[in-house]
C-alpha atoms as a PDB file:
ATOM      1  CA  MET A   1    -109.778  39.655 -41.272  1.00  0.00           C
ATOM      2  CA  VAL A   2    -106.847  40.754 -43.458  1.00  0.00           C
ATOM      3  CA  PHE A   3    -107.761  38.119 -46.043  1.00  0.00           C
ATOM      4  CA  GLU A   4    -111.291  39.539 -46.334  1.00  0.00           C
ATOM      5  CA  VAL A   5    -109.915  43.026 -46.973  1.00  0.00           C
ATOM      6  CA  VAL A   6    -107.632  41.683 -49.697  1.00  0.00           C
ATOM      7  CA  GLU A   7    -110.585  39.827 -51.241  1.00  0.00           C
ATOM      8  CA  TRP A   8    -112.652  43.020 -51.341  1.00  0.00           C
ATOM      9  CA  ILE A   9    -109.775  44.970 -52.881  1.00  0.00           C
ATOM     10  CA  ILE A  10    -109.332  42.333 -55.592  1.00  0.00           C
ATOM     11  CA  PHE A  11    -113.097  42.257 -56.159  1.00  0.00           C
ATOM     12  CA  TYR A  12    -113.250  46.029 -56.664  1.00  0.00           C
ATOM     13  CA  ILE A  13    -110.238  45.937 -58.990  1.00  0.00           C
ATOM     14  CA  GLY A  14    -112.107  43.338 -61.055  1.00  0.00           C
ATOM     15  CA  LEU A  15    -115.228  45.472 -61.003  1.00  0.00           C
ATOM     16  CA  GLY A  16    -113.196  48.462 -62.206  1.00  0.00           C
ATOM     17  CA  LEU A  17    -111.679  46.420 -65.037  1.00  0.00           C
ATOM     18  CA  THR A  18    -115.138  45.268 -66.087  1.00  0.00           C
ATOM     19  CA  THR A  19    -116.375  48.864 -66.139  1.00  0.00           C
ATOM     20  CA  LEU A  20    -113.295  49.919 -68.116  1.00  0.00           C
ATOM     21  CA  GLY A  21    -114.065  47.179 -70.623  1.00  0.00           C
ATOM     22  CA  ALA A  22    -117.605  48.480 -71.052  1.00  0.00           C
ATOM     23  CA  LEU A  23    -116.201  51.938 -71.768  1.00  0.00           C
ATOM     24  CA  CYS A  24    -113.770  50.495 -74.326  1.00  0.00           C
ATOM     25  CA  ASP A  25    -116.696  48.763 -76.030  1.00  0.00           C
ATOM     26  CA  LEU A  26    -118.566  52.044 -76.120  1.00  0.00           C
ATOM     27  CA  PHE A  27    -115.621  53.958 -77.582  1.00  0.00           C
ATOM     28  CA  GLY A  28    -114.875  51.183 -80.071  1.00  0.00           C
ATOM     29  CA  SER A  29    -118.449  51.194 -81.332  1.00  0.00           C
ATOM     30  CA  LEU A  30    -118.412  54.988 -81.629  1.00  0.00           C
ATOM     31  CA  GLY A  31    -115.184  54.702 -83.604  1.00  0.00           C
ATOM     32  CA  LEU A  32    -116.774  52.182 -85.953  1.00  0.00           C
ATOM     33  CA  LEU A  33    -119.535  54.663 -86.651  1.00  0.00           C
ATOM     34  CA  ARG A  34    -117.487  57.848 -86.883  1.00  0.00           C
ATOM     35  CA  PHE A  35    -114.084  56.978 -88.377  1.00  0.00           C
ATOM     36  CA  PRO A  36    -113.579  57.768 -92.080  1.00  0.00           C
ATOM     37  CA  ASN A  37    -112.107  54.651 -93.694  1.00  0.00           C
ATOM     38  CA  PHE A  38    -111.733  50.906 -93.360  1.00  0.00           C
ATOM     39  CA  TYR A  39    -108.305  50.809 -91.733  1.00  0.00           C
ATOM     40  CA  VAL A  40    -109.109  53.268 -88.972  1.00  0.00           C
ATOM     41  CA  ARG A  41    -112.405  51.490 -88.349  1.00  0.00           C
ATOM     42  CA  LEU A  42    -110.499  48.237 -88.119  1.00  0.00           C
ATOM     43  CA  HIS A  43    -108.363  49.827 -85.418  1.00  0.00           C
ATOM     44  CA  ALA A  44    -111.508  50.846 -83.525  1.00  0.00           C
ATOM     45  CA  ALA A  45    -112.815  47.288 -83.794  1.00  0.00           C
ATOM     46  CA  THR A  46    -109.547  45.972 -82.367  1.00  0.00           C
ATOM     47  CA  VAL A  47    -109.810  48.403 -79.459  1.00  0.00           C
ATOM     48  CA  GLY A  48    -113.313  47.098 -78.876  1.00  0.00           C
ATOM     49  CA  ILE A  49    -112.087  43.511 -78.931  1.00  0.00           C
ATOM     50  CA  ILE A  50    -109.010  43.907 -76.748  1.00  0.00           C
ATOM     51  CA  GLY A  51    -110.345  46.553 -74.397  1.00  0.00           C
ATOM     52  CA  GLY A  52    -113.917  45.348 -74.476  1.00  0.00           C
ATOM     53  CA  ALA A  53    -113.323  41.622 -74.206  1.00  0.00           C
ATOM     54  CA  VAL A  54    -109.907  40.922 -72.695  1.00  0.00           C
ATOM     55  CA  VAL A  55    -110.011  43.519 -69.919  1.00  0.00           C
ATOM     56  CA  PRO A  56    -113.489  42.489 -68.664  1.00  0.00           C
ATOM     57  CA  LEU A  57    -112.520  38.820 -68.825  1.00  0.00           C
ATOM     58  CA  ILE A  58    -109.570  39.528 -66.569  1.00  0.00           C
ATOM     59  CA  GLY A  59    -111.847  41.561 -64.295  1.00  0.00           C
ATOM     60  CA  VAL A  60    -114.460  38.816 -64.061  1.00  0.00           C
ATOM     61  CA  GLY A  61    -111.673  36.306 -63.431  1.00  0.00           C
ATOM     62  CA  LEU A  62    -110.482  38.404 -60.496  1.00  0.00           C
ATOM     63  CA  MET A  63    -114.028  38.723 -59.190  1.00  0.00           C
ATOM     64  CA  SER A  64    -114.556  34.979 -59.442  1.00  0.00           C
ATOM     65  CA  LEU A  65    -111.388  34.379 -57.425  1.00  0.00           C
ATOM     66  CA  CYS A  66    -112.957  36.321 -54.568  1.00  0.00           C
ATOM     67  CA  SER A  67    -116.407  34.745 -54.833  1.00  0.00           C
ATOM     68  CA  SER A  68    -117.161  32.444 -51.929  1.00  0.00           C
ATOM     69  CA  GLN A  69    -120.333  31.271 -53.698  1.00  0.00           C
ATOM     70  CA  LEU A  70    -118.283  29.257 -56.184  1.00  0.00           C
ATOM     71  CA  GLY A  71    -116.510  27.323 -53.444  1.00  0.00           C
ATOM     72  CA  VAL A  72    -113.585  25.245 -54.637  1.00  0.00           C
ATOM     73  CA  TYR A  73    -114.592  25.768 -58.277  1.00  0.00           C
ATOM     74  CA  ARG A  74    -113.603  29.417 -58.189  1.00  0.00           C
ATOM     75  CA  PHE A  75    -110.029  28.604 -59.223  1.00  0.00           C
ATOM     76  CA  ALA A  76    -111.222  26.596 -62.221  1.00  0.00           C
ATOM     77  CA  VAL A  77    -113.641  29.342 -63.268  1.00  0.00           C
ATOM     78  CA  ALA A  78    -110.962  32.030 -62.904  1.00  0.00           C
ATOM     79  CA  THR A  79    -108.488  29.924 -64.900  1.00  0.00           C
ATOM     80  CA  ILE A  80    -111.011  29.575 -67.713  1.00  0.00           C
ATOM     81  CA  PHE A  81    -111.541  33.358 -67.774  1.00  0.00           C
ATOM     82  CA  PHE A  82    -107.805  34.077 -67.781  1.00  0.00           C
ATOM     83  CA  LEU A  83    -107.111  31.527 -70.541  1.00  0.00           C
ATOM     84  CA  THR A  84    -109.939  32.919 -72.657  1.00  0.00           C
ATOM     85  CA  ALA A  85    -108.530  36.424 -72.217  1.00  0.00           C
ATOM     86  CA  PHE A  86    -105.052  35.219 -73.191  1.00  0.00           C
ATOM     87  CA  VAL A  87    -106.265  33.436 -76.333  1.00  0.00           C
ATOM     88  CA  THR A  88    -108.368  36.439 -77.361  1.00  0.00           C
ATOM     89  CA  MET A  89    -105.425  38.761 -76.798  1.00  0.00           C
ATOM     90  CA  ILE A  90    -103.272  36.628 -79.104  1.00  0.00           C
ATOM     91  CA  VAL A  91    -105.827  35.865 -81.840  1.00  0.00           C
ATOM     92  CA  ALA A  92    -107.609  39.219 -82.268  1.00  0.00           C
ATOM     93  CA  PRO A  93    -104.627  41.306 -83.466  1.00  0.00           C
ATOM     94  CA  ILE A  94    -103.538  38.506 -85.798  1.00  0.00           C
ATOM     95  CA  GLY A  95    -106.984  38.418 -87.371  1.00  0.00           C
ATOM     96  CA  THR A  96    -107.224  42.157 -87.843  1.00  0.00           C
ATOM     97  CA  HIS A  97    -103.714  42.268 -89.290  1.00  0.00           C
ATOM     98  CA  ALA A  98    -104.628  39.542 -91.781  1.00  0.00           C
ATOM     99  CA  LEU A  99    -107.797  41.431 -92.725  1.00  0.00           C
ATOM    100  CA  ALA A 100    -105.917  44.699 -93.252  1.00  0.00           C
ATOM    101  CA  TYR A 101    -103.152  43.013 -95.245  1.00  0.00           C
ATOM    102  CA  ALA A 102    -105.617  41.151 -97.456  1.00  0.00           C
ATOM    103  CA  SER A 103    -107.666  44.270 -98.185  1.00  0.00           C
ATOM    104  CA  HIS A 104    -104.516  46.262 -98.976  1.00  0.00           C
ATOM    105  CA  ARG A 105    -103.061  43.497-101.101  1.00  0.00           C
ATOM    106  CA  GLY A 106    -106.303  43.011-103.002  1.00  0.00           C
ATOM    107  CA  ARG A 107    -106.704  46.769-103.458  1.00  0.00           C
ATOM    108  CA  VAL A 108    -110.197  46.550-102.029  1.00  0.00           C
ATOM    109  CA  VAL A 109    -109.973  49.804-100.096  1.00  0.00           C
ATOM    110  CA  LYS A 110    -108.446  52.917-101.587  1.00  0.00           C
ATOM    111  CA  VAL A 111    -106.919  55.278 -99.049  1.00  0.00           C
ATOM    112  CA  GLU A 112    -106.408  58.875-100.081  1.00  0.00           C
ATOM    113  CA  PRO A 113    -104.265  60.833 -99.470  1.00  0.00           C
ATOM    114  CA  LYS A 114    -101.515  58.242 -99.345  1.00  0.00           C
ATOM    115  CA  VAL A 115     -98.555  59.408 -97.319  1.00  0.00           C
ATOM    116  CA  ILE A 116     -96.375  56.306 -97.406  1.00  0.00           C
ATOM    117  CA  ASP A 117     -97.010  52.740 -98.487  1.00  0.00           C
ATOM    118  CA  MET A 118     -94.561  50.226 -97.077  1.00  0.00           C
ATOM    119  CA  LEU A 119     -96.289  47.344 -98.868  1.00  0.00           C
ATOM    120  CA  GLU A 120     -95.691  48.644-102.404  1.00  0.00           C
ATOM    121  CA  LYS A 121     -92.638  46.433-102.765  1.00  0.00           C
ATOM    122  CA  HIS A 122     -94.909  43.393-102.504  1.00  0.00           C
ATOM    123  CA  ARG A 123     -96.879  44.576-105.522  1.00  0.00           C
ATOM    124  CA  GLY A 124     -93.776  45.425-107.500  1.00  0.00           C
ATOM    125  CA  GLY A 125     -94.378  49.157-107.305  1.00  0.00           C
ATOM    126  CA  GLU A 126     -92.024  52.010-106.619  1.00  0.00           C
ATOM    127  CA  LYS A 127     -89.467  51.692-103.859  1.00  0.00           C
END
């Protein structure tokens, strides 16, 4: 009886994380449409990736742990979800950082007004 209650609690936590991920996707897509320049839009895309992919993957992994329909395979399915979330959480910020650095280094996107540029020393500019 106690184990069933714990399963339902974990299931609803997973359901809440999945709903939170859908909201992060919504806010990330609104940010992509509304934000003014490339770098801020890149931040919104990263929020959409981390909040909209990693959080729901963890939620679905928790829900699959509580699913009796999967039988003994539920641990394997949950492990796959958790590993996918971990890899996405590691790779997504690295990719967006590389994109931002390459666009700044190549002077593809001009940002005005410039408050401070910590990467000017790489171009041989003012210090």
